[in-house]
Amino acid sequence: MSKLPSSIKLGTQVWTIVEHTSKEDGMLYEDNYGYTMERRNMIVLDKDASDSRKRQVLMHEILHAIRFTFFTGSKMAPKLNFEDTEHYFIGMYEETLLMVLKDNPQLLEHLIGE
């Protein structure tokens, strides 16, 4: 598997990616393999998780980081139907996710690596 990038660029923000064990980080526990710290621009992954799980969790946490970086002021209308809600969220991520993958080729290589 390709090396986990130590940071990624999201727009004007740089996010650090670190690995911790559950012994050194109380936020990592059974069924919680990672988290995102908005204030510190940091993504934390469980070092002991399998490689395939870490890739999936990294993608999940990157989506949180995208929201924290680009959509902090966005509020969803309270009573949207399912189709409108679905398109709202897809619209939030379609351009930003492409930008993140283009700006971070080492991240893309890592995410699709075997």
PDB file of N, CA and C in Angstrom:
ATOM      1  N   MET A   1       0.847  -1.182   0.000  1.00  0.00           N
ATOM      2  CA  MET A   1       0.000   0.000   0.000  1.00  0.00           C
ATOM      3  C   MET A   1       0.890   1.242   0.000  1.00  0.00           C
ATOM      4  N   SER A   2       0.436   2.274  -0.703  1.00  0.00           N
ATOM      5  CA  SER A   2       1.217   3.513  -0.737  1.00  0.00           C
ATOM      6  C   SER A   2       1.217   4.162   0.637  1.00  0.00           C
ATOM      7  N   LYS A   3       2.195   5.000   0.830  1.00  0.00           N
ATOM      8  CA  LYS A   3       2.378   5.663   2.119  1.00  0.00           C
ATOM      9  C   LYS A   3       1.237   6.643   2.406  1.00  0.00           C
ATOM     10  N   LEU A   4       0.791   6.648   3.640  1.00  0.00           N
ATOM     11  CA  LEU A   4      -0.224   7.596   4.096  1.00  0.00           C
ATOM     12  C   LEU A   4       0.366   9.000   4.044  1.00  0.00           C
ATOM     13  N   PRO A   5      -0.305   9.932   3.356  1.00  0.00           N
ATOM     14  CA  PRO A   5       0.228  11.303   3.335  1.00  0.00           C
ATOM     15  C   PRO A   5       0.172  11.915   4.736  1.00  0.00           C
ATOM     16  N   SER A   6       1.150  12.738   5.056  1.00  0.00           N
ATOM     17  CA  SER A   6       1.180  13.370   6.384  1.00  0.00           C
ATOM     18  C   SER A   6       0.307  14.616   6.440  1.00  0.00           C
ATOM     19  N   SER A   7      -0.081  15.123   5.253  1.00  0.00           N
ATOM     20  CA  SER A   7      -0.977  16.283   5.210  1.00  0.00           C
ATOM     21  C   SER A   7      -1.662  16.321   3.848  1.00  0.00           C
ATOM     22  N   ILE A   8      -2.772  17.043   3.809  1.00  0.00           N
ATOM     23  CA  ILE A   8      -3.473  17.290   2.554  1.00  0.00           C
ATOM     24  C   ILE A   8      -3.892  18.749   2.524  1.00  0.00           C
ATOM     25  N   LYS A   9      -4.083  19.244   1.316  1.00  0.00           N
ATOM     26  CA  LYS A   9      -4.495  20.628   1.109  1.00  0.00           C
ATOM     27  C   LYS A   9      -5.978  20.638   0.773  1.00  0.00           C
ATOM     28  N   LEU A  10      -6.744  21.422   1.508  1.00  0.00           N
ATOM     29  CA  LEU A  10      -8.168  21.622   1.232  1.00  0.00           C
ATOM     30  C   LEU A  10      -8.371  23.119   1.050  1.00  0.00           C
ATOM     31  N   GLY A  11      -8.439  23.547  -0.193  1.00  0.00           N
ATOM     32  CA  GLY A  11      -8.536  24.985  -0.446  1.00  0.00           C
ATOM     33  C   GLY A  11      -7.299  25.679   0.087  1.00  0.00           C
ATOM     34  N   THR A  12      -7.496  26.653   0.958  1.00  0.00           N
ATOM     35  CA  THR A  12      -6.366  27.370   1.546  1.00  0.00           C
ATOM     36  C   THR A  12      -5.871  26.738   2.843  1.00  0.00           C
ATOM     37  N   GLN A  13      -6.506  25.676   3.280  1.00  0.00           N
ATOM     38  CA  GLN A  13      -6.159  25.029   4.547  1.00  0.00           C
ATOM     39  C   GLN A  13      -5.303  23.789   4.315  1.00  0.00           C
ATOM     40  N   VAL A  14      -4.372  23.561   5.229  1.00  0.00           N
ATOM     41  CA  VAL A  14      -3.588  22.337   5.230  1.00  0.00           C
ATOM     42  C   VAL A  14      -4.023  21.528   6.446  1.00  0.00           C
ATOM     43  N   TRP A  15      -4.399  20.277   6.205  1.00  0.00           N
ATOM     44  CA  TRP A  15      -4.842  19.372   7.257  1.00  0.00           C
ATOM     45  C   TRP A  15      -3.775  18.310   7.487  1.00  0.00           C
ATOM     46  N   THR A  16      -3.382  18.127   8.735  1.00  0.00           N
ATOM     47  CA  THR A  16      -2.410  17.118   9.118  1.00  0.00           C
ATOM     48  C   THR A  16      -3.124  15.788   9.315  1.00  0.00           C
ATOM     49  N   ILE A  17      -2.480  14.710   8.890  1.00  0.00           N
ATOM     50  CA  ILE A  17      -3.015  13.362   9.103  1.00  0.00           C
ATOM     51  C   ILE A  17      -2.037  12.614   9.988  1.00  0.00           C
ATOM     52  N   VAL A  18      -2.526  12.110  11.120  1.00  0.00           N
ATOM     53  CA  VAL A  18      -1.679  11.374  12.056  1.00  0.00           C
ATOM     54  C   VAL A  18      -2.322  10.041  12.401  1.00  0.00           C
ATOM     55  N   GLU A  19      -1.498   9.132  12.876  1.00  0.00           N
ATOM     56  CA  GLU A  19      -1.979   7.841  13.353  1.00  0.00           C
ATOM     57  C   GLU A  19      -1.644   7.720  14.835  1.00  0.00           C
ATOM     58  N   HIS A  20      -2.622   7.305  15.605  1.00  0.00           N
ATOM     59  CA  HIS A  20      -2.444   7.035  17.035  1.00  0.00           C
ATOM     60  C   HIS A  20      -2.968   5.641  17.323  1.00  0.00           C
ATOM     61  N   THR A  21      -2.533   5.074  18.427  1.00  0.00           N
ATOM     62  CA  THR A  21      -3.126   3.824  18.897  1.00  0.00           C
ATOM     63  C   THR A  21      -4.193   4.156  19.929  1.00  0.00           C
ATOM     64  N   SER A  22      -5.081   3.216  20.174  1.00  0.00           N
ATOM     65  CA  SER A  22      -6.120   3.457  21.183  1.00  0.00           C
ATOM     66  C   SER A  22      -5.511   3.585  22.576  1.00  0.00           C
ATOM     67  N   LYS A  23      -4.339   3.015  22.787  1.00  0.00           N
ATOM     68  CA  LYS A  23      -3.671   3.144  24.097  1.00  0.00           C
ATOM     69  C   LYS A  23      -3.195   4.571  24.352  1.00  0.00           C
ATOM     70  N   GLU A  24      -2.831   5.284  23.288  1.00  0.00           N
ATOM     71  CA  GLU A  24      -2.337   6.655  23.465  1.00  0.00           C
ATOM     72  C   GLU A  24      -3.398   7.713  23.206  1.00  0.00           C
ATOM     73  N   ASP A  25      -4.575   7.302  22.749  1.00  0.00           N
ATOM     74  CA  ASP A  25      -5.613   8.267  22.385  1.00  0.00           C
ATOM     75  C   ASP A  25      -6.979   7.719  22.782  1.00  0.00           C
ATOM     76  N   GLY A  26      -7.558   8.293  23.811  1.00  0.00           N
ATOM     77  CA  GLY A  26      -8.848   7.841  24.325  1.00  0.00           C
ATOM     78  C   GLY A  26     -10.020   8.077  23.385  1.00  0.00           C
ATOM     79  N   MET A  27      -9.824   8.868  22.342  1.00  0.00           N
ATOM     80  CA  MET A  27     -10.902   9.093  21.367  1.00  0.00           C
ATOM     81  C   MET A  27     -11.038   7.909  20.406  1.00  0.00           C
ATOM     82  N   LEU A  28     -10.042   7.042  20.385  1.00  0.00           N
ATOM     83  CA  LEU A  28     -10.089   5.851  19.537  1.00  0.00           C
ATOM     84  C   LEU A  28     -10.480   4.668  20.414  1.00  0.00           C
ATOM     85  N   TYR A  29     -11.544   4.025  20.058  1.00  0.00           N
ATOM     86  CA  TYR A  29     -12.045   2.893  20.830  1.00  0.00           C
ATOM     87  C   TYR A  29     -12.800   1.967  19.893  1.00  0.00           C
ATOM     88  N   GLU A  30     -13.311   0.874  20.390  1.00  0.00           N
ATOM     89  CA  GLU A  30     -14.033  -0.097  19.557  1.00  0.00           C
ATOM     90  C   GLU A  30     -15.049   0.599  18.660  1.00  0.00           C
ATOM     91  N   ASP A  31     -14.979   0.332  17.378  1.00  0.00           N
ATOM     92  CA  ASP A  31     -15.870   0.889  16.355  1.00  0.00           C
ATOM     93  C   ASP A  31     -15.676   2.377  16.105  1.00  0.00           C
ATOM     94  N   ASN A  32     -14.637   2.998  16.642  1.00  0.00           N
ATOM     95  CA  ASN A  32     -14.292   4.378  16.298  1.00  0.00           C
ATOM     96  C   ASN A  32     -12.840   4.367  15.850  1.00  0.00           C
ATOM     97  N   TYR A  33     -12.651   4.409  14.544  1.00  0.00           N
ATOM     98  CA  TYR A  33     -11.330   4.241  13.957  1.00  0.00           C
ATOM     99  C   TYR A  33     -10.675   5.556  13.553  1.00  0.00           C
ATOM    100  N   GLY A  34     -11.318   6.667  13.858  1.00  0.00           N
ATOM    101  CA  GLY A  34     -10.731   7.945  13.506  1.00  0.00           C
ATOM    102  C   GLY A  34     -11.646   9.098  13.854  1.00  0.00           C
ATOM    103  N   TYR A  35     -11.095  10.289  13.780  1.00  0.00           N
ATOM    104  CA  TYR A  35     -11.881  11.490  14.032  1.00  0.00           C
ATOM    105  C   TYR A  35     -11.173  12.696  13.422  1.00  0.00           C
ATOM    106  N   THR A  36     -11.902  13.799  13.330  1.00  0.00           N
ATOM    107  CA  THR A  36     -11.384  15.031  12.748  1.00  0.00           C
ATOM    108  C   THR A  36     -11.469  16.145  13.776  1.00  0.00           C
ATOM    109  N   MET A  37     -10.365  16.849  13.951  1.00  0.00           N
ATOM    110  CA  MET A  37     -10.313  17.982  14.879  1.00  0.00           C
ATOM    111  C   MET A  37     -10.289  19.268  14.062  1.00  0.00           C
ATOM    112  N   GLU A  38     -11.438  19.934  14.005  1.00  0.00           N
ATOM    113  CA  GLU A  38     -11.558  21.147  13.187  1.00  0.00           C
ATOM    114  C   GLU A  38     -10.605  22.236  13.657  1.00  0.00           C
ATOM    115  N   ARG A  39     -10.539  22.453  14.933  1.00  0.00           N
ATOM    116  CA  ARG A  39      -9.725  23.545  15.480  1.00  0.00           C
ATOM    117  C   ARG A  39      -8.242  23.389  15.143  1.00  0.00           C
ATOM    118  N   ARG A  40      -7.775  22.162  15.065  1.00  0.00           N
ATOM    119  CA  ARG A  40      -6.352  21.911  14.811  1.00  0.00           C
ATOM    120  C   ARG A  40      -6.062  21.499  13.370  1.00  0.00           C
ATOM    121  N   ASN A  41      -7.098  21.451  12.518  1.00  0.00           N
ATOM    122  CA  ASN A  41      -6.922  20.981  11.136  1.00  0.00           C
ATOM    123  C   ASN A  41      -6.181  19.636  11.148  1.00  0.00           C
ATOM    124  N   MET A  42      -6.735  18.685  11.906  1.00  0.00           N
ATOM    125  CA  MET A  42      -6.069  17.401  12.070  1.00  0.00           C
ATOM    126  C   MET A  42      -7.054  16.250  11.898  1.00  0.00           C
ATOM    127  N   ILE A  43      -6.600  15.249  11.171  1.00  0.00           N
ATOM    128  CA  ILE A  43      -7.332  13.993  11.025  1.00  0.00           C
ATOM    129  C   ILE A  43      -6.520  12.931  11.752  1.00  0.00           C
ATOM    130  N   VAL A  44      -7.181  12.189  12.649  1.00  0.00           N
ATOM    131  CA  VAL A  44      -6.524  11.144  13.423  1.00  0.00           C
ATOM    132  C   VAL A  44      -7.098   9.791  13.007  1.00  0.00           C
ATOM    133  N   LEU A  45      -6.199   8.853  12.711  1.00  0.00           N
ATOM    134  CA  LEU A  45      -6.600   7.504  12.329  1.00  0.00           C
ATOM    135  C   LEU A  45      -6.056   6.496  13.330  1.00  0.00           C
ATOM    136  N   ASP A  46      -6.781   5.398  13.505  1.00  0.00           N
ATOM    137  CA  ASP A  46      -6.344   4.321  14.388  1.00  0.00           C
ATOM    138  C   ASP A  46      -5.206   3.563  13.713  1.00  0.00           C
ATOM    139  N   LYS A  47      -4.036   3.663  14.279  1.00  0.00           N
ATOM    140  CA  LYS A  47      -2.841   3.036  13.723  1.00  0.00           C
ATOM    141  C   LYS A  47      -2.984   1.518  13.623  1.00  0.00           C
ATOM    142  N   ASP A  48      -3.774   0.924  14.506  1.00  0.00           N
ATOM    143  CA  ASP A  48      -3.903  -0.529  14.547  1.00  0.00           C
ATOM    144  C   ASP A  48      -5.001  -1.077  13.640  1.00  0.00           C
ATOM    145  N   ALA A  49      -5.741  -0.213  12.983  1.00  0.00           N
ATOM    146  CA  ALA A  49      -6.801  -0.671  12.075  1.00  0.00           C
ATOM    147  C   ALA A  49      -6.161  -1.287  10.824  1.00  0.00           C
ATOM    148  N   SER A  50      -6.917  -2.131  10.150  1.00  0.00           N
ATOM    149  CA  SER A  50      -6.418  -2.719   8.904  1.00  0.00           C
ATOM    150  C   SER A  50      -6.247  -1.617   7.855  1.00  0.00           C
ATOM    151  N   ASP A  51      -5.422  -1.883   6.865  1.00  0.00           N
ATOM    152  CA  ASP A  51      -5.174  -0.888   5.813  1.00  0.00           C
ATOM    153  C   ASP A  51      -6.463  -0.504   5.086  1.00  0.00           C
ATOM    154  N   SER A  52      -7.293  -1.500   4.768  1.00  0.00           N
ATOM    155  CA  SER A  52      -8.535  -1.182   4.054  1.00  0.00           C
ATOM    156  C   SER A  52      -9.472  -0.356   4.927  1.00  0.00           C
ATOM    157  N   ARG A  53      -9.529  -0.629   6.223  1.00  0.00           N
ATOM    158  CA  ARG A  53     -10.359   0.162   7.136  1.00  0.00           C
ATOM    159  C   ARG A  53      -9.813   1.580   7.237  1.00  0.00           C
ATOM    160  N   LYS A  54      -8.499   1.722   7.326  1.00  0.00           N
ATOM    161  CA  LYS A  54      -7.905   3.065   7.426  1.00  0.00           C
ATOM    162  C   LYS A  54      -8.220   3.907   6.190  1.00  0.00           C
ATOM    163  N   ARG A  55      -8.187   3.291   4.998  1.00  0.00           N
ATOM    164  CA  ARG A  55      -8.526   4.050   3.783  1.00  0.00           C
ATOM    165  C   ARG A  55      -9.973   4.524   3.835  1.00  0.00           C
ATOM    166  N   GLN A  56     -10.867   3.645   4.259  1.00  0.00           N
ATOM    167  CA  GLN A  56     -12.285   4.005   4.347  1.00  0.00           C
ATOM    168  C   GLN A  56     -12.503   5.105   5.388  1.00  0.00           C
ATOM    169  N   VAL A  57     -11.862   4.977   6.533  1.00  0.00           N
ATOM    170  CA  VAL A  57     -12.000   5.985   7.599  1.00  0.00           C
ATOM    171  C   VAL A  57     -11.380   7.304   7.163  1.00  0.00           C
ATOM    172  N   LEU A  58     -10.250   7.251   6.473  1.00  0.00           N
ATOM    173  CA  LEU A  58      -9.626   8.481   5.984  1.00  0.00           C
ATOM    174  C   LEU A  58     -10.573   9.217   5.044  1.00  0.00           C
ATOM    175  N   MET A  59     -11.210   8.493   4.131  1.00  0.00           N
ATOM    176  CA  MET A  59     -12.165   9.142   3.222  1.00  0.00           C
ATOM    177  C   MET A  59     -13.307   9.771   4.012  1.00  0.00           C
ATOM    178  N   HIS A  60     -13.815   9.062   5.017  1.00  0.00           N
ATOM    179  CA  HIS A  60     -14.889   9.575   5.865  1.00  0.00           C
ATOM    180  C   HIS A  60     -14.448  10.870   6.558  1.00  0.00           C
ATOM    181  N   GLU A  61     -13.270  10.853   7.140  1.00  0.00           N
ATOM    182  CA  GLU A  61     -12.781  12.034   7.871  1.00  0.00           C
ATOM    183  C   GLU A  61     -12.462  13.182   6.920  1.00  0.00           C
ATOM    184  N   ILE A  62     -12.022  12.888   5.708  1.00  0.00           N
ATOM    185  CA  ILE A  62     -11.790  13.949   4.724  1.00  0.00           C
ATOM    186  C   ILE A  62     -13.107  14.646   4.388  1.00  0.00           C
ATOM    187  N   LEU A  63     -14.188  13.894   4.303  1.00  0.00           N
ATOM    188  CA  LEU A  63     -15.490  14.525   4.045  1.00  0.00           C
ATOM    189  C   LEU A  63     -15.873  15.462   5.186  1.00  0.00           C
ATOM    190  N   HIS A  64     -15.570  15.088   6.426  1.00  0.00           N
ATOM    191  CA  HIS A  64     -15.786  16.014   7.549  1.00  0.00           C
ATOM    192  C   HIS A  64     -14.915  17.263   7.367  1.00  0.00           C
ATOM    193  N   ALA A  65     -13.646  17.062   7.030  1.00  0.00           N
ATOM    194  CA  ALA A  65     -12.726  18.193   6.873  1.00  0.00           C
ATOM    195  C   ALA A  65     -13.167  19.115   5.740  1.00  0.00           C
ATOM    196  N   ILE A  66     -13.691  18.540   4.656  1.00  0.00           N
ATOM    197  CA  ILE A  66     -14.225  19.365   3.565  1.00  0.00           C
ATOM    198  C   ILE A  66     -15.372  20.223   4.086  1.00  0.00           C
ATOM    199  N   ARG A  67     -16.271  19.618   4.838  1.00  0.00           N
ATOM    200  CA  ARG A  67     -17.397  20.392   5.382  1.00  0.00           C
ATOM    201  C   ARG A  67     -16.899  21.483   6.313  1.00  0.00           C
ATOM    202  N   PHE A  68     -15.962  21.153   7.188  1.00  0.00           N
ATOM    203  CA  PHE A  68     -15.432  22.162   8.120  1.00  0.00           C
ATOM    204  C   PHE A  68     -14.732  23.293   7.376  1.00  0.00           C
ATOM    205  N   THR A  69     -14.056  22.974   6.284  1.00  0.00           N
ATOM    206  CA  THR A  69     -13.298  23.980   5.541  1.00  0.00           C
ATOM    207  C   THR A  69     -14.181  24.848   4.660  1.00  0.00           C
ATOM    208  N   PHE A  70     -15.130  24.242   3.958  1.00  0.00           N
ATOM    209  CA  PHE A  70     -15.868  24.971   2.932  1.00  0.00           C
ATOM    210  C   PHE A  70     -17.304  25.318   3.285  1.00  0.00           C
ATOM    211  N   PHE A  71     -17.904  24.634   4.229  1.00  0.00           N
ATOM    212  CA  PHE A  71     -19.341  24.795   4.454  1.00  0.00           C
ATOM    213  C   PHE A  71     -19.696  25.136   5.898  1.00  0.00           C
ATOM    214  N   THR A  72     -18.845  25.869   6.585  1.00  0.00           N
ATOM    215  CA  THR A  72     -19.102  26.171   7.988  1.00  0.00           C
ATOM    216  C   THR A  72     -20.344  27.023   8.183  1.00  0.00           C
ATOM    217  N   GLY A  73     -20.676  27.874   7.222  1.00  0.00           N
ATOM    218  CA  GLY A  73     -21.848  28.738   7.361  1.00  0.00           C
ATOM    219  C   GLY A  73     -23.103  28.185   6.725  1.00  0.00           C
ATOM    220  N   SER A  74     -22.982  27.057   6.035  1.00  0.00           N
ATOM    221  CA  SER A  74     -24.137  26.496   5.320  1.00  0.00           C
ATOM    222  C   SER A  74     -25.085  25.810   6.281  1.00  0.00           C
ATOM    223  N   LYS A  75     -26.323  26.152   6.183  1.00  0.00           N
ATOM    224  CA  LYS A  75     -27.369  25.507   6.973  1.00  0.00           C
ATOM    225  C   LYS A  75     -28.394  24.935   6.014  1.00  0.00           C
ATOM    226  N   MET A  76     -28.767  23.694   6.231  1.00  0.00           N
ATOM    227  CA  MET A  76     -29.762  23.059   5.387  1.00  0.00           C
ATOM    228  C   MET A  76     -31.145  23.556   5.783  1.00  0.00           C
ATOM    229  N   ALA A  77     -31.992  23.769   4.788  1.00  0.00           N
ATOM    230  CA  ALA A  77     -33.374  24.145   5.079  1.00  0.00           C
ATOM    231  C   ALA A  77     -34.014  23.042   5.919  1.00  0.00           C
ATOM    232  N   PRO A  78     -34.807  23.394   6.923  1.00  0.00           N
ATOM    233  CA  PRO A  78     -35.292  22.396   7.892  1.00  0.00           C
ATOM    234  C   PRO A  78     -36.233  21.338   7.346  1.00  0.00           C
ATOM    235  N   LYS A  79     -36.985  21.605   6.280  1.00  0.00           N
ATOM    236  CA  LYS A  79     -37.985  20.628   5.832  1.00  0.00           C
ATOM    237  C   LYS A  79     -37.838  20.309   4.348  1.00  0.00           C
ATOM    238  N   LEU A  80     -36.651  19.816   3.983  1.00  0.00           N
ATOM    239  CA  LEU A  80     -36.442  19.407   2.603  1.00  0.00           C
ATOM    240  C   LEU A  80     -36.911  17.966   2.425  1.00  0.00           C
ATOM    241  N   ASN A  81     -37.451  17.665   1.237  1.00  0.00           N
ATOM    242  CA  ASN A  81     -37.816  16.276   0.968  1.00  0.00           C
ATOM    243  C   ASN A  81     -36.545  15.482   0.681  1.00  0.00           C
ATOM    244  N   PHE A  82     -36.680  14.166   0.565  1.00  0.00           N
ATOM    245  CA  PHE A  82     -35.513  13.304   0.406  1.00  0.00           C
ATOM    246  C   PHE A  82     -34.689  13.680  -0.818  1.00  0.00           C
ATOM    247  N   GLU A  83     -35.330  13.855  -1.967  1.00  0.00           N
ATOM    248  CA  GLU A  83     -34.593  14.161  -3.190  1.00  0.00           C
ATOM    249  C   GLU A  83     -33.837  15.480  -3.069  1.00  0.00           C
ATOM    250  N   ASP A  84     -34.467  16.497  -2.509  1.00  0.00           N
ATOM    251  CA  ASP A  84     -33.785  17.781  -2.336  1.00  0.00           C
ATOM    252  C   ASP A  84     -32.627  17.660  -1.347  1.00  0.00           C
ATOM    253  N   THR A  85     -32.826  16.890  -0.282  1.00  0.00           N
ATOM    254  CA  THR A  85     -31.765  16.678   0.701  1.00  0.00           C
ATOM    255  C   THR A  85     -30.590  15.950   0.065  1.00  0.00           C
ATOM    256  N   GLU A  86     -30.893  14.904  -0.690  1.00  0.00           N
ATOM    257  CA  GLU A  86     -29.840  14.138  -1.354  1.00  0.00           C
ATOM    258  C   GLU A  86     -29.038  15.039  -2.292  1.00  0.00           C
ATOM    259  N   HIS A  87     -29.701  15.843  -3.108  1.00  0.00           N
ATOM    260  CA  HIS A  87     -29.002  16.721  -4.038  1.00  0.00           C
ATOM    261  C   HIS A  87     -28.250  17.846  -3.313  1.00  0.00           C
ATOM    262  N   TYR A  88     -28.753  18.273  -2.192  1.00  0.00           N
ATOM    263  CA  TYR A  88     -28.047  19.274  -1.385  1.00  0.00           C
ATOM    264  C   TYR A  88     -26.668  18.738  -1.000  1.00  0.00           C
ATOM    265  N   PHE A  89     -26.639  17.516  -0.456  1.00  0.00           N
ATOM    266  CA  PHE A  89     -25.367  16.957  -0.003  1.00  0.00           C
ATOM    267  C   PHE A  89     -24.456  16.571  -1.158  1.00  0.00           C
ATOM    268  N   ILE A  90     -24.992  16.027  -2.211  1.00  0.00           N
ATOM    269  CA  ILE A  90     -24.168  15.706  -3.377  1.00  0.00           C
ATOM    270  C   ILE A  90     -23.566  16.986  -3.942  1.00  0.00           C
ATOM    271  N   GLY A  91     -24.360  18.040  -4.025  1.00  0.00           N
ATOM    272  CA  GLY A  91     -23.869  19.323  -4.517  1.00  0.00           C
ATOM    273  C   GLY A  91     -22.770  19.907  -3.647  1.00  0.00           C
ATOM    274  N   MET A  92     -22.852  19.679  -2.339  1.00  0.00           N
ATOM    275  CA  MET A  92     -21.810  20.164  -1.429  1.00  0.00           C
ATOM    276  C   MET A  92     -20.455  19.545  -1.763  1.00  0.00           C
ATOM    277  N   TYR A  93     -20.460  18.292  -2.146  1.00  0.00           N
ATOM    278  CA  TYR A  93     -19.210  17.558  -2.276  1.00  0.00           C
ATOM    279  C   TYR A  93     -18.715  17.360  -3.705  1.00  0.00           C
ATOM    280  N   GLU A  94     -19.549  17.526  -4.713  1.00  0.00           N
ATOM    281  CA  GLU A  94     -19.123  17.156  -6.062  1.00  0.00           C
ATOM    282  C   GLU A  94     -17.893  17.935  -6.520  1.00  0.00           C
ATOM    283  N   GLU A  95     -17.893  19.232  -6.403  1.00  0.00           N
ATOM    284  CA  GLU A  95     -16.762  20.037  -6.862  1.00  0.00           C
ATOM    285  C   GLU A  95     -15.608  20.002  -5.867  1.00  0.00           C
ATOM    286  N   THR A  96     -15.925  20.086  -4.588  1.00  0.00           N
ATOM    287  CA  THR A  96     -14.848  20.133  -3.583  1.00  0.00           C
ATOM    288  C   THR A  96     -14.081  18.821  -3.529  1.00  0.00           C
ATOM    289  N   LEU A  97     -14.759  17.692  -3.644  1.00  0.00           N
ATOM    290  CA  LEU A  97     -14.059  16.413  -3.606  1.00  0.00           C
ATOM    291  C   LEU A  97     -13.138  16.264  -4.816  1.00  0.00           C
ATOM    292  N   LEU A  98     -13.598  16.662  -5.989  1.00  0.00           N
ATOM    293  CA  LEU A  98     -12.737  16.625  -7.168  1.00  0.00           C
ATOM    294  C   LEU A  98     -11.511  17.512  -6.976  1.00  0.00           C
ATOM    295  N   MET A  99     -11.695  18.689  -6.401  1.00  0.00           N
ATOM    296  CA  MET A  99     -10.591  19.608  -6.161  1.00  0.00           C
ATOM    297  C   MET A  99      -9.590  18.990  -5.190  1.00  0.00           C
ATOM    298  N   VAL A 100     -10.084  18.392  -4.115  1.00  0.00           N
ATOM    299  CA  VAL A 100      -9.201  17.787  -3.106  1.00  0.00           C
ATOM    300  C   VAL A 100      -8.375  16.668  -3.742  1.00  0.00           C
ATOM    301  N   LEU A 101      -9.007  15.810  -4.533  1.00  0.00           N
ATOM    302  CA  LEU A 101      -8.279  14.708  -5.157  1.00  0.00           C
ATOM    303  C   LEU A 101      -7.268  15.215  -6.190  1.00  0.00           C
ATOM    304  N   LYS A 102      -7.629  16.258  -6.920  1.00  0.00           N
ATOM    305  CA  LYS A 102      -6.700  16.834  -7.907  1.00  0.00           C
ATOM    306  C   LYS A 102      -5.515  17.508  -7.221  1.00  0.00           C
ATOM    307  N   ASP A 103      -5.766  18.225  -6.129  1.00  0.00           N
ATOM    308  CA  ASP A 103      -4.702  18.947  -5.420  1.00  0.00           C
ATOM    309  C   ASP A 103      -3.809  18.032  -4.585  1.00  0.00           C
ATOM    310  N   ASN A 104      -4.231  16.791  -4.381  1.00  0.00           N
ATOM    311  CA  ASN A 104      -3.498  15.872  -3.508  1.00  0.00           C
ATOM    312  C   ASN A 104      -3.330  14.509  -4.187  1.00  0.00           C
ATOM    313  N   PRO A 105      -2.511  14.427  -5.238  1.00  0.00           N
ATOM    314  CA  PRO A 105      -2.380  13.155  -5.962  1.00  0.00           C
ATOM    315  C   PRO A 105      -1.880  12.011  -5.080  1.00  0.00           C
ATOM    316  N   GLN A 106      -1.050  12.317  -4.078  1.00  0.00           N
ATOM    317  CA  GLN A 106      -0.576  11.265  -3.175  1.00  0.00           C
ATOM    318  C   GLN A 106      -1.723  10.714  -2.338  1.00  0.00           C
ATOM    319  N   LEU A 107      -2.719  11.525  -2.035  1.00  0.00           N
ATOM    320  CA  LEU A 107      -3.896  11.062  -1.303  1.00  0.00           C
ATOM    321  C   LEU A 107      -4.691  10.101  -2.185  1.00  0.00           C
ATOM    322  N   LEU A 108      -4.926  10.471  -3.425  1.00  0.00           N
ATOM    323  CA  LEU A 108      -5.663   9.607  -4.343  1.00  0.00           C
ATOM    324  C   LEU A 108      -4.953   8.262  -4.499  1.00  0.00           C
ATOM    325  N   GLU A 109      -3.644   8.292  -4.675  1.00  0.00           N
ATOM    326  CA  GLU A 109      -2.869   7.064  -4.795  1.00  0.00           C
ATOM    327  C   GLU A 109      -3.037   6.189  -3.549  1.00  0.00           C
ATOM    328  N   HIS A 110      -3.002   6.816  -2.395  1.00  0.00           N
ATOM    329  CA  HIS A 110      -3.163   6.077  -1.141  1.00  0.00           C
ATOM    330  C   HIS A 110      -4.558   5.489  -1.008  1.00  0.00           C
ATOM    331  N   LEU A 111      -5.582   6.261  -1.333  1.00  0.00           N
ATOM    332  CA  LEU A 111      -6.961   5.801  -1.172  1.00  0.00           C
ATOM    333  C   LEU A 111      -7.298   4.624  -2.081  1.00  0.00           C
ATOM    334  N   ILE A 112      -6.750   4.597  -3.278  1.00  0.00           N
ATOM    335  CA  ILE A 112      -7.085   3.514  -4.189  1.00  0.00           C
ATOM    336  C   ILE A 112      -6.040   2.401  -4.180  1.00  0.00           C
ATOM    337  N   GLY A 113      -4.985   2.564  -3.374  1.00  0.00           N
ATOM    338  CA  GLY A 113      -3.924   1.571  -3.300  1.00  0.00           C
ATOM    339  C   GLY A 113      -4.391   0.253  -2.714  1.00  0.00           C
ATOM    340  N   GLU A 114      -3.672  -0.763  -3.041  1.00  0.00           N
ATOM    341  CA  GLU A 114      -3.979  -2.110  -2.513  1.00  0.00           C
ATOM    342  C   GLU A 114      -3.079  -2.426  -1.359  1.00  0.00           C
TER     343      GLU A 114
END
